[in-house]
Amino acid sequence: MFPIITVEKDKAEAIEFLGTKYKFWYRHKDELYLFKAEERGTGEDWAEKVCCELAELLGLPHVRYDMAKLGEDGLPGTVCRTFAPEPLNLVHGNEMLFKADSSYPLEPEKNYQVREHTLDAVFNVMESLEMPPRQWCKRLPEQVLSAAGVYAGYLMLDAWVANQDRHHQNWGAIRHGEKLMLAPSFDHGAALARNLSDAERSERLQTRDKNRQIPHFVRRARSALYFRTSATRPMSTLKAWEEWARRVPSARQAWGRRISGISAEEMKNILGRVEKSRMSDVCQEFTLKLLVQNRKRILELEES
């Protein structure tokens, strides 16, 4: 089982107001950590941890998340160490998009249905960024040589885990002086259909209605990227990966090889390390089939 870190509330140094969940920063051995509570029972804690482990299999630059709880018998959640300790700081995607185009909506409370958050706009920002800091790139494929190529891997992860939450404040850059480097991938808690009830998972696993089965269900996942500003809705997570990957063919091939080498057994082993009180047997079965199906869809794109 994944270890569960106990965080004491009296260690809180600063409440984090970005987002909607209860979270705070605290120090452990002189390093800054973020505790993020899962007070709504929607599975964001296990989804975050599972996505972290899957990103590790891919060799993506990603923030490490661990399962946690508040106090000995308290609120479940996750913890992660800051990836931008002083003198570094995080610059969110919307800030960079606004700097590139002053008409871009900068309002911090507006993260969804932002039609200006287009593939072209984000790609242009990526071309201005350097690679993530070296410590995050130890397992990158050799063919991935640019920030845009790394970000392709982030979008492939999104397509794999059905992450619908990579909006313009859930990606960014690390600033060090005048240098801007792509930040590691972070905040994947809205993935893996984690907010479904077990009753719905069970029904979708057993139904004979093809429109209710997992191969049809996974097509519903939407990214936060629009193909163009005139589009009425964002692209699917798979389409976002496909369109971005066309622009970085070497990186596309490299990430495709990485995911093709990951077996269903490896996915199952990760899911099996989440304690049953947070992720039931039916939840694990459903999530495994979702991952296997999405991996198949990604590989079918590579073959077409």
Protein backbone atom coordinates (compact mmCIF):
# COMPACT_ATOMS: atom_id res chain seq x y z
CA MET A 1 0.00 0.00 0.00
CA PHE A 2 1.07 3.57 -0.56
CA PRO A 3 2.24 5.14 2.71
CA ILE A 4 0.00 7.78 4.24
CA ILE A 5 1.69 10.85 5.68
CA THR A 6 0.15 12.41 8.77
CA VAL A 7 0.08 16.22 8.69
CA GLU A 8 -0.66 18.21 11.82
CA LYS A 9 -2.92 21.24 11.37
CA ASP A 10 -0.89 23.37 13.77
CA LYS A 11 2.00 23.23 11.28
CA ALA A 12 0.07 25.35 8.78
CA GLU A 13 1.98 28.46 7.73
CA ALA A 14 -0.21 29.82 4.94
CA ILE A 15 -3.66 28.97 3.63
CA GLU A 16 -3.69 28.48 -0.17
CA PHE A 17 -6.62 30.35 -1.74
CA LEU A 18 -6.12 29.32 -5.38
CA GLY A 19 -8.80 26.76 -6.25
CA THR A 20 -11.78 25.55 -4.24
CA LYS A 21 -10.33 22.96 -1.86
CA TYR A 22 -9.04 23.38 1.69
CA LYS A 23 -5.24 23.45 1.53
CA PHE A 24 -2.30 24.94 3.35
CA TRP A 25 1.48 25.17 3.22
CA TYR A 26 3.64 23.77 6.02
CA ARG A 27 7.32 23.07 6.62
CA HIS A 28 9.01 19.73 7.11
CA LYS A 29 12.77 19.55 7.55
CA ASP A 30 13.06 23.15 6.32
CA GLU A 31 11.23 22.38 3.07
CA LEU A 32 7.83 23.73 2.08
CA TYR A 33 4.97 21.29 1.45
CA LEU A 34 1.34 21.71 0.38
CA PHE A 35 -1.41 19.69 2.05
CA LYS A 36 -4.55 19.46 -0.08
CA ALA A 37 -7.65 18.05 1.61
CA GLU A 38 -10.15 15.72 -0.01
CA GLU A 39 -13.12 16.77 2.09
CA ARG A 40 -15.81 16.12 -0.52
CA GLY A 41 -15.31 12.38 -0.93
CA THR A 42 -14.88 12.62 -4.71
CA GLY A 43 -11.62 10.66 -4.98
CA GLU A 44 -9.28 13.51 -5.83
CA ASP A 45 -6.67 12.14 -3.43
CA TRP A 46 -6.33 8.70 -5.01
CA ALA A 47 -6.66 10.15 -8.52
CA GLU A 48 -3.78 12.55 -7.84
CA LYS A 49 -1.58 9.76 -6.48
CA VAL A 50 -2.37 7.30 -9.29
CA CYS A 51 -1.66 9.93 -11.97
CA CYS A 52 1.62 10.74 -10.23
CA GLU A 53 2.68 7.09 -10.45
CA LEU A 54 1.60 6.80 -14.09
CA ALA A 55 3.56 9.94 -14.96
CA GLU A 56 6.56 8.29 -13.30
CA LEU A 57 6.17 5.25 -15.57
CA LEU A 58 6.19 7.56 -18.58
CA GLY A 59 9.26 9.46 -17.38
CA LEU A 60 7.40 12.78 -17.45
CA PRO A 61 8.58 15.76 -15.40
CA HIS A 62 5.92 15.75 -12.69
CA VAL A 63 5.30 16.81 -9.12
CA ARG A 64 5.43 13.94 -6.64
CA TYR A 65 2.23 13.53 -4.64
CA ASP A 66 1.81 11.34 -1.57
CA MET A 67 -1.32 10.21 0.21
CA ALA A 68 -1.89 12.07 3.47
CA LYS A 69 -4.33 12.70 6.29
CA LEU A 70 -4.87 15.64 8.63
CA GLY A 71 -4.07 14.47 12.13
CA GLU A 72 -4.18 10.89 13.32
CA ASP A 73 -7.86 10.31 12.44
CA GLY A 74 -8.48 13.32 10.24
CA LEU A 75 -9.30 14.46 6.75
CA PRO A 76 -7.80 12.49 3.84
CA GLY A 77 -5.76 14.32 1.23
CA THR A 78 -2.40 14.57 -0.51
CA VAL A 79 0.88 16.33 0.09
CA CYS A 80 3.54 17.57 -2.32
CA ARG A 81 6.75 19.51 -1.91
CA THR A 82 6.93 22.91 -3.59
CA PHE A 83 8.54 22.76 -7.01
CA ALA A 84 9.40 26.46 -7.01
CA PRO A 85 11.28 27.17 -3.76
CA GLU A 86 12.77 30.62 -3.28
CA PRO A 87 14.33 32.31 -5.20
CA LEU A 88 12.26 30.54 -7.88
CA ASN A 89 8.60 31.29 -8.45
CA LEU A 90 5.75 29.83 -10.47
CA VAL A 91 4.26 31.81 -13.36
CA HIS A 92 0.84 30.47 -14.35
CA GLY A 93 -0.20 29.88 -17.93
CA ASN A 94 -2.77 32.67 -17.97
CA GLU A 95 -0.11 35.21 -16.96
CA MET A 96 2.12 34.22 -19.88
CA LEU A 97 -0.80 34.15 -22.31
CA PHE A 98 -1.81 37.64 -21.18
CA LYS A 99 1.74 38.90 -21.64
CA ALA A 100 1.70 37.54 -25.19
CA ASP A 101 -1.75 38.99 -25.92
CA SER A 102 -3.17 41.74 -23.70
CA SER A 103 -6.73 40.79 -24.73
CA TYR A 104 -6.36 37.37 -23.08
CA PRO A 105 -8.73 37.05 -20.05
CA LEU A 106 -6.57 37.21 -16.94
CA GLU A 107 -9.29 36.97 -14.27
CA PRO A 108 -8.00 34.39 -11.76
CA GLU A 109 -11.49 33.05 -11.03
CA LYS A 110 -12.16 32.22 -14.69
CA ASN A 111 -10.50 28.92 -15.59
CA TYR A 112 -13.06 27.09 -17.71
CA GLN A 113 -14.74 27.79 -21.04
CA VAL A 114 -11.98 30.23 -21.93
CA ARG A 115 -12.07 30.09 -25.73
CA GLU A 116 -8.86 32.11 -25.99
CA HIS A 117 -7.05 29.14 -24.39
CA THR A 118 -6.30 27.74 -27.82
CA LEU A 119 -3.78 25.21 -28.99
CA ASP A 120 -2.02 27.89 -31.05
CA ALA A 121 -1.80 30.35 -28.16
CA VAL A 122 -0.38 27.78 -25.74
CA PHE A 123 2.01 26.36 -28.34
CA ASN A 124 3.39 29.84 -29.00
CA VAL A 125 4.08 30.26 -25.28
CA MET A 126 5.80 26.87 -25.18
CA GLU A 127 8.15 27.93 -27.95
CA SER A 128 9.33 30.78 -25.74
CA LEU A 129 10.07 28.53 -22.72
CA GLU A 130 13.15 26.57 -21.86
CA MET A 131 13.07 22.91 -20.84
CA PRO A 132 12.06 22.09 -17.26
CA PRO A 133 14.88 22.29 -14.70
CA ARG A 134 17.33 19.41 -15.01
CA GLN A 135 16.24 17.57 -11.87
CA TRP A 136 12.80 17.00 -13.40
CA CYS A 137 14.14 15.61 -16.69
CA LYS A 138 16.18 12.62 -15.57
CA ARG A 139 13.97 10.10 -17.37
CA LEU A 140 12.93 12.11 -20.41
CA PRO A 141 13.17 10.31 -23.76
CA GLU A 142 16.29 11.42 -25.63
CA GLN A 143 14.20 12.66 -28.56
CA VAL A 144 12.31 15.18 -26.41
CA LEU A 145 14.39 18.35 -26.71
CA SER A 146 11.98 21.27 -26.25
CA ALA A 147 9.34 22.56 -23.86
CA ALA A 148 6.71 21.90 -26.54
CA GLY A 149 7.92 18.30 -26.77
CA VAL A 150 7.68 17.88 -23.01
CA TYR A 151 4.21 19.43 -22.98
CA ALA A 152 3.18 16.87 -25.59
CA GLY A 153 3.84 14.28 -22.92
CA TYR A 154 1.61 16.17 -20.50
CA LEU A 155 -1.22 16.11 -23.04
CA MET A 156 -0.69 12.41 -23.70
CA LEU A 157 -0.94 11.80 -19.95
CA ASP A 158 -4.20 13.79 -19.96
CA ALA A 159 -5.58 11.62 -22.77
CA TRP A 160 -4.54 8.47 -20.91
CA VAL A 161 -6.03 9.40 -17.53
CA ALA A 162 -8.94 11.51 -18.85
CA ASN A 163 -7.66 14.63 -17.09
CA GLN A 164 -10.08 17.45 -17.88
CA ASP A 165 -8.46 20.06 -15.66
CA ARG A 166 -5.34 21.35 -17.45
CA HIS A 167 -6.77 24.86 -17.63
CA HIS A 168 -4.61 27.95 -17.85
CA GLN A 169 -3.72 27.95 -14.14
CA ASN A 170 -2.89 24.25 -14.06
CA TRP A 171 0.26 24.59 -16.16
CA GLY A 172 3.01 27.14 -15.99
CA ALA A 173 6.67 28.03 -15.91
CA ILE A 174 9.34 28.32 -13.24
CA ARG A 175 11.02 31.71 -13.21
CA HIS A 176 14.66 31.96 -12.19
CA GLY A 177 15.82 35.51 -12.75
CA GLU A 178 15.10 36.22 -16.40
CA LYS A 179 14.88 32.53 -17.28
CA LEU A 180 11.48 30.89 -17.78
CA MET A 181 11.45 27.07 -17.74
CA LEU A 182 8.42 24.84 -18.25
CA ALA A 183 7.14 23.65 -14.88
CA PRO A 184 6.67 19.94 -14.17
CA SER A 185 3.15 18.60 -14.64
CA PHE A 186 0.95 19.16 -11.59
CA ASP A 187 -2.62 19.01 -10.30
CA HIS A 188 -4.19 15.89 -11.83
CA GLY A 189 -6.95 15.34 -9.27
CA ALA A 190 -9.79 15.80 -11.76
CA ALA A 191 -8.79 12.69 -13.72
CA LEU A 192 -9.79 9.02 -13.96
CA ALA A 193 -13.54 9.73 -13.69
CA ARG A 194 -12.87 9.82 -9.94
CA ASN A 195 -16.19 11.50 -9.08
CA LEU A 196 -18.39 8.65 -10.38
CA SER A 197 -20.27 6.66 -7.78
CA ASP A 198 -19.46 2.99 -7.39
CA ALA A 199 -23.04 2.24 -8.39
CA GLU A 200 -22.49 3.91 -11.76
CA ARG A 201 -19.11 2.25 -12.20
CA SER A 202 -20.67 -1.15 -11.54
CA GLU A 203 -23.52 -0.48 -13.94
CA ARG A 204 -21.17 0.61 -16.72
CA LEU A 205 -19.02 -2.49 -16.19
CA GLN A 206 -22.00 -4.83 -16.46
CA THR A 207 -24.33 -3.20 -18.99
CA ARG A 208 -24.86 -4.58 -22.48
CA ASP A 209 -25.75 -1.12 -23.75
CA LYS A 210 -22.73 -0.11 -25.83
CA ASN A 211 -23.52 3.56 -25.28
CA ARG A 212 -23.00 3.00 -21.55
CA GLN A 213 -19.87 0.87 -21.74
CA ILE A 214 -16.36 2.16 -21.08
CA PRO A 215 -15.20 2.40 -24.75
CA HIS A 216 -18.00 4.90 -25.36
CA PHE A 217 -17.74 6.60 -21.96
CA VAL A 218 -14.06 7.53 -22.30
CA ARG A 219 -14.75 9.59 -25.42
CA ARG A 220 -16.55 12.16 -23.27
CA ALA A 221 -13.38 13.51 -21.64
CA ARG A 222 -12.72 17.11 -22.65
CA SER A 223 -9.52 19.06 -22.35
CA ALA A 224 -9.42 22.77 -21.50
CA LEU A 225 -7.85 23.56 -24.90
CA TYR A 226 -9.82 24.98 -27.82
CA PHE A 227 -8.82 24.37 -31.42
CA ARG A 228 -9.72 27.96 -32.28
CA THR A 229 -11.53 30.82 -30.53
CA SER A 230 -14.65 30.28 -32.64
CA ALA A 231 -15.06 26.69 -31.39
CA THR A 232 -18.16 26.08 -29.29
CA ARG A 233 -16.46 23.63 -26.94
CA PRO A 234 -12.94 22.48 -26.09
CA MET A 235 -11.24 19.59 -27.81
CA SER A 236 -11.40 16.11 -26.39
CA THR A 237 -8.35 15.07 -24.41
CA LEU A 238 -7.40 12.65 -27.20
CA LYS A 239 -7.82 15.29 -29.92
CA ALA A 240 -5.74 17.78 -27.95
CA TRP A 241 -2.91 15.23 -27.77
CA GLU A 242 -3.26 14.38 -31.46
CA GLU A 243 -3.23 17.98 -32.70
CA TRP A 244 -0.36 19.04 -30.45
CA ALA A 245 1.68 15.95 -31.27
CA ARG A 246 1.47 16.68 -35.01
CA ARG A 247 3.65 19.71 -34.36
CA VAL A 248 6.40 17.81 -32.54
CA PRO A 249 6.72 14.52 -34.46
CA SER A 250 9.91 13.31 -32.78
CA ALA A 251 8.42 13.84 -29.32
CA ARG A 252 5.18 12.18 -30.46
CA GLN A 253 7.05 9.05 -31.45
CA ALA A 254 9.06 9.04 -28.23
CA TRP A 255 6.03 9.37 -25.97
CA GLY A 256 4.17 6.79 -28.05
CA ARG A 257 6.98 4.31 -27.46
CA ARG A 258 6.89 5.02 -23.74
CA ILE A 259 3.18 4.34 -23.32
CA SER A 260 3.31 1.29 -25.58
CA GLY A 261 5.80 -0.26 -23.16
CA ILE A 262 3.49 0.04 -20.14
CA SER A 263 1.45 -3.07 -19.41
CA ALA A 264 -2.00 -3.48 -17.91
CA GLU A 265 -0.31 -5.37 -15.07
CA GLU A 266 1.77 -2.31 -14.18
CA MET A 267 -1.37 -0.17 -14.12
CA LYS A 268 -3.15 -2.74 -11.96
CA ASN A 269 -0.27 -2.84 -9.50
CA ILE A 270 -0.44 0.92 -9.02
CA LEU A 271 -4.19 0.85 -8.42
CA GLY A 272 -3.81 -2.05 -6.00
CA ARG A 273 -1.55 0.03 -3.75
CA VAL A 274 -4.36 2.48 -2.90
CA GLU A 275 -6.04 1.44 0.32
CA LYS A 276 -9.60 0.11 -0.07
CA SER A 277 -11.08 2.77 2.21
CA ARG A 278 -10.20 5.32 -0.49
CA MET A 279 -10.60 3.21 -3.63
CA SER A 280 -12.96 0.23 -3.66
CA ASP A 281 -12.56 -2.96 -5.69
CA VAL A 282 -15.14 -1.85 -8.25
CA CYS A 283 -13.44 1.55 -8.51
CA GLN A 284 -10.11 -0.15 -9.18
CA GLU A 285 -11.63 -2.45 -11.80
CA PHE A 286 -13.38 0.43 -13.59
CA THR A 287 -10.29 2.65 -13.48
CA LEU A 288 -8.07 -0.09 -14.87
CA LYS A 289 -10.42 -0.63 -17.81
CA LEU A 290 -10.54 3.12 -18.43
CA LEU A 291 -6.73 3.28 -18.52
CA VAL A 292 -6.43 0.24 -20.78
CA GLN A 293 -9.03 1.63 -23.18
CA ASN A 294 -7.43 5.07 -23.35
CA ARG A 295 -3.98 3.57 -23.89
CA LYS A 296 -5.45 1.58 -26.76
CA ARG A 297 -6.95 4.72 -28.31
CA ILE A 298 -3.63 6.57 -28.08
CA LEU A 299 -1.76 3.70 -29.73
CA GLU A 300 -4.37 3.43 -32.47
CA LEU A 301 -3.62 7.06 -33.35
CA GLU A 302 0.04 6.20 -33.65
CA GLU A 303 -0.78 3.35 -36.05
CA SER A 304 -3.10 5.40 -38.26
